[in-house]
Amino acid sequence: MQLNISLSARNTLKGKVIDLKKGQTTSHIKIDIGGGNVLTASITNEAVDELNLNVGDDAWGIIKASDVMVGK
């Protein structure tokens, strides 16, 4: 799978879907991006269906954020 579009986001991480859990309206997707790192995303169930996402699929995590907050 190759991403042949231009994006303003600078963080594009290719990986493989390793878990997909659908809730009432939102799905939680885990993408293994290598090196023991897993990216977790929450997207709508509609987006999962439109992308035809399934465990085992190659997928891209595309991150566009002006702020990242961490607390302890």
N, C-alpha and C. Protein backbone atom coordinates (compact mmCIF):
# COMPACT_ATOMS: atom_id res chain seq x y z
N MET A 1 0.85 -1.17 0.00
CA MET A 1 0.00 0.00 0.00
C MET A 1 0.89 1.23 0.00
N GLN A 2 0.65 2.14 -0.89
CA GLN A 2 1.41 3.38 -0.97
C GLN A 2 0.46 4.55 -0.87
N LEU A 3 0.86 5.54 -0.10
CA LEU A 3 0.04 6.73 0.09
C LEU A 3 0.44 7.74 -0.97
N ASN A 4 -0.39 7.91 -1.99
CA ASN A 4 -0.08 8.80 -3.11
C ASN A 4 -0.93 10.06 -3.08
N ILE A 5 -0.92 10.74 -1.93
CA ILE A 5 -1.61 12.01 -1.81
C ILE A 5 -0.72 12.97 -1.05
N SER A 6 -0.98 14.24 -1.18
CA SER A 6 -0.23 15.23 -0.42
C SER A 6 -1.04 15.60 0.81
N LEU A 7 -0.34 15.71 1.94
CA LEU A 7 -0.98 16.04 3.20
C LEU A 7 -0.21 17.15 3.90
N SER A 8 -0.92 17.93 4.70
CA SER A 8 -0.23 18.91 5.52
C SER A 8 0.35 18.26 6.77
N ALA A 9 -0.18 17.11 7.15
CA ALA A 9 0.34 16.38 8.31
C ALA A 9 1.74 15.85 7.98
N ARG A 10 2.65 15.98 8.91
CA ARG A 10 4.02 15.53 8.68
C ARG A 10 4.33 14.18 9.29
N ASN A 11 3.43 13.69 10.10
CA ASN A 11 3.66 12.42 10.79
C ASN A 11 2.78 11.33 10.20
N THR A 12 3.32 10.57 9.28
CA THR A 12 2.60 9.45 8.67
C THR A 12 3.34 8.18 9.03
N LEU A 13 2.63 7.27 9.68
CA LEU A 13 3.25 6.06 10.20
C LEU A 13 2.55 4.84 9.61
N LYS A 14 3.29 4.08 8.83
CA LYS A 14 2.73 2.88 8.19
C LYS A 14 2.81 1.71 9.16
N GLY A 15 1.74 0.91 9.17
CA GLY A 15 1.74 -0.26 10.04
C GLY A 15 0.68 -1.25 9.64
N LYS A 16 0.37 -2.13 10.58
CA LYS A 16 -0.61 -3.19 10.34
C LYS A 16 -1.64 -3.14 11.47
N VAL A 17 -2.92 -3.23 11.10
CA VAL A 17 -3.99 -3.24 12.09
C VAL A 17 -3.90 -4.55 12.88
N ILE A 18 -3.74 -4.41 14.21
CA ILE A 18 -3.63 -5.61 15.05
C ILE A 18 -4.85 -5.80 15.95
N ASP A 19 -5.68 -4.77 16.08
CA ASP A 19 -6.89 -4.88 16.89
C ASP A 19 -7.89 -3.84 16.43
N LEU A 20 -9.16 -4.22 16.43
CA LEU A 20 -10.23 -3.31 16.03
C LEU A 20 -11.45 -3.66 16.87
N LYS A 21 -11.87 -2.70 17.70
CA LYS A 21 -13.04 -2.91 18.54
C LYS A 21 -14.07 -1.84 18.23
N LYS A 22 -15.25 -2.28 17.78
CA LYS A 22 -16.34 -1.35 17.49
C LYS A 22 -17.21 -1.15 18.72
N GLY A 23 -17.50 0.11 19.02
CA GLY A 23 -18.45 0.45 20.07
C GLY A 23 -19.76 0.88 19.44
N GLN A 24 -20.58 1.62 20.19
CA GLN A 24 -21.86 2.08 19.68
C GLN A 24 -21.70 3.00 18.47
N THR A 25 -20.76 3.96 18.57
CA THR A 25 -20.55 4.93 17.48
C THR A 25 -19.09 5.06 17.08
N THR A 26 -18.19 4.62 17.96
CA THR A 26 -16.75 4.82 17.75
C THR A 26 -16.01 3.50 17.81
N SER A 27 -15.02 3.37 16.95
CA SER A 27 -14.16 2.20 16.95
C SER A 27 -12.78 2.58 17.46
N HIS A 28 -12.13 1.64 18.12
CA HIS A 28 -10.76 1.83 18.59
C HIS A 28 -9.87 0.89 17.78
N ILE A 29 -8.90 1.49 17.09
CA ILE A 29 -8.03 0.76 16.18
C ILE A 29 -6.61 0.78 16.74
N LYS A 30 -5.95 -0.38 16.75
CA LYS A 30 -4.54 -0.44 17.14
C LYS A 30 -3.74 -0.81 15.90
N ILE A 31 -2.71 0.01 15.62
CA ILE A 31 -1.85 -0.22 14.46
C ILE A 31 -0.42 -0.44 14.97
N ASP A 32 0.13 -1.59 14.65
CA ASP A 32 1.53 -1.89 14.99
C ASP A 32 2.41 -1.17 13.98
N ILE A 33 3.20 -0.19 14.45
CA ILE A 33 4.04 0.60 13.55
C ILE A 33 5.51 0.16 13.63
N GLY A 34 5.76 -0.97 14.27
CA GLY A 34 7.11 -1.53 14.33
C GLY A 34 7.89 -1.10 15.55
N GLY A 35 8.95 -1.80 15.81
CA GLY A 35 9.83 -1.47 16.93
C GLY A 35 9.16 -1.59 18.28
N GLY A 36 8.11 -2.40 18.37
CA GLY A 36 7.38 -2.55 19.62
C GLY A 36 6.42 -1.42 19.90
N ASN A 37 6.18 -0.56 18.91
CA ASN A 37 5.29 0.60 19.07
C ASN A 37 3.93 0.34 18.45
N VAL A 38 2.88 0.70 19.19
CA VAL A 38 1.50 0.54 18.73
C VAL A 38 0.81 1.89 18.83
N LEU A 39 0.21 2.29 17.74
CA LEU A 39 -0.57 3.53 17.67
C LEU A 39 -2.04 3.16 17.86
N THR A 40 -2.72 3.88 18.75
CA THR A 40 -4.15 3.64 18.98
C THR A 40 -4.92 4.87 18.52
N ALA A 41 -5.98 4.63 17.76
CA ALA A 41 -6.80 5.72 17.25
C ALA A 41 -8.27 5.42 17.50
N SER A 42 -9.04 6.46 17.74
CA SER A 42 -10.49 6.36 17.85
C SER A 42 -11.08 7.03 16.62
N ILE A 43 -11.85 6.26 15.84
CA ILE A 43 -12.50 6.81 14.65
C ILE A 43 -13.94 6.32 14.63
N THR A 44 -14.76 6.96 13.82
CA THR A 44 -16.17 6.56 13.76
C THR A 44 -16.31 5.18 13.13
N ASN A 45 -17.39 4.50 13.51
CA ASN A 45 -17.69 3.21 12.88
C ASN A 45 -17.92 3.39 11.39
N GLU A 46 -18.50 4.51 11.00
CA GLU A 46 -18.72 4.81 9.59
C GLU A 46 -17.40 4.85 8.83
N ALA A 47 -16.37 5.46 9.43
CA ALA A 47 -15.05 5.53 8.79
C ALA A 47 -14.45 4.13 8.65
N VAL A 48 -14.60 3.30 9.66
CA VAL A 48 -14.11 1.91 9.58
C VAL A 48 -14.76 1.20 8.41
N ASP A 49 -16.07 1.36 8.28
CA ASP A 49 -16.79 0.71 7.19
C ASP A 49 -16.37 1.25 5.83
N GLU A 50 -16.24 2.58 5.72
CA GLU A 50 -15.85 3.18 4.44
C GLU A 50 -14.44 2.76 4.02
N LEU A 51 -13.54 2.63 5.00
CA LEU A 51 -12.17 2.20 4.71
C LEU A 51 -12.05 0.68 4.59
N ASN A 52 -13.14 -0.02 4.94
CA ASN A 52 -13.14 -1.48 4.94
C ASN A 52 -11.96 -2.02 5.76
N LEU A 53 -11.78 -1.43 6.96
CA LEU A 53 -10.67 -1.82 7.83
C LEU A 53 -10.93 -3.16 8.50
N ASN A 54 -9.90 -3.99 8.53
CA ASN A 54 -9.97 -5.29 9.19
C ASN A 54 -8.63 -5.57 9.84
N VAL A 55 -8.64 -6.39 10.88
CA VAL A 55 -7.39 -6.83 11.50
C VAL A 55 -6.55 -7.52 10.43
N GLY A 56 -5.27 -7.18 10.40
CA GLY A 56 -4.35 -7.75 9.41
C GLY A 56 -4.10 -6.83 8.23
N ASP A 57 -4.94 -5.80 8.06
CA ASP A 57 -4.76 -4.86 6.95
C ASP A 57 -3.56 -3.95 7.19
N ASP A 58 -2.88 -3.58 6.11
CA ASP A 58 -1.91 -2.49 6.17
C ASP A 58 -2.71 -1.19 6.30
N ALA A 59 -2.20 -0.26 7.09
CA ALA A 59 -2.90 1.01 7.29
C ALA A 59 -1.88 2.08 7.66
N TRP A 60 -2.29 3.32 7.52
CA TRP A 60 -1.47 4.47 7.88
C TRP A 60 -2.08 5.17 9.09
N GLY A 61 -1.23 5.52 10.04
CA GLY A 61 -1.63 6.43 11.10
C GLY A 61 -1.13 7.80 10.67
N ILE A 62 -2.03 8.74 10.54
CA ILE A 62 -1.67 10.09 10.08
C ILE A 62 -1.99 11.04 11.22
N ILE A 63 -0.96 11.71 11.72
CA ILE A 63 -1.11 12.53 12.92
C ILE A 63 -0.92 14.00 12.57
N LYS A 64 -1.93 14.79 12.89
CA LYS A 64 -1.88 16.24 12.70
C LYS A 64 -2.37 16.83 14.01
N ALA A 65 -1.46 17.39 14.78
CA ALA A 65 -1.84 17.95 16.08
C ALA A 65 -1.01 19.19 16.36
N SER A 66 -1.67 20.19 16.88
CA SER A 66 -0.94 21.39 17.28
C SER A 66 -0.52 21.28 18.75
N ASP A 67 -1.17 20.41 19.51
CA ASP A 67 -0.84 20.22 20.92
C ASP A 67 -0.89 18.75 21.27
N VAL A 68 0.02 18.34 22.12
CA VAL A 68 -0.03 17.01 22.72
C VAL A 68 0.06 17.23 24.23
N MET A 69 -0.93 16.74 24.95
CA MET A 69 -0.95 16.92 26.40
C MET A 69 -0.70 15.59 27.08
N VAL A 70 0.13 15.61 28.11
CA VAL A 70 0.40 14.43 28.91
C VAL A 70 0.30 14.83 30.38
N GLY A 71 -0.31 14.02 31.17
CA GLY A 71 -0.41 14.31 32.59
C GLY A 71 -0.10 13.09 33.42
N LYS A 72 0.23 13.34 34.67
CA LYS A 72 0.51 12.20 35.57
C LYS A 72 0.00 12.56 36.94
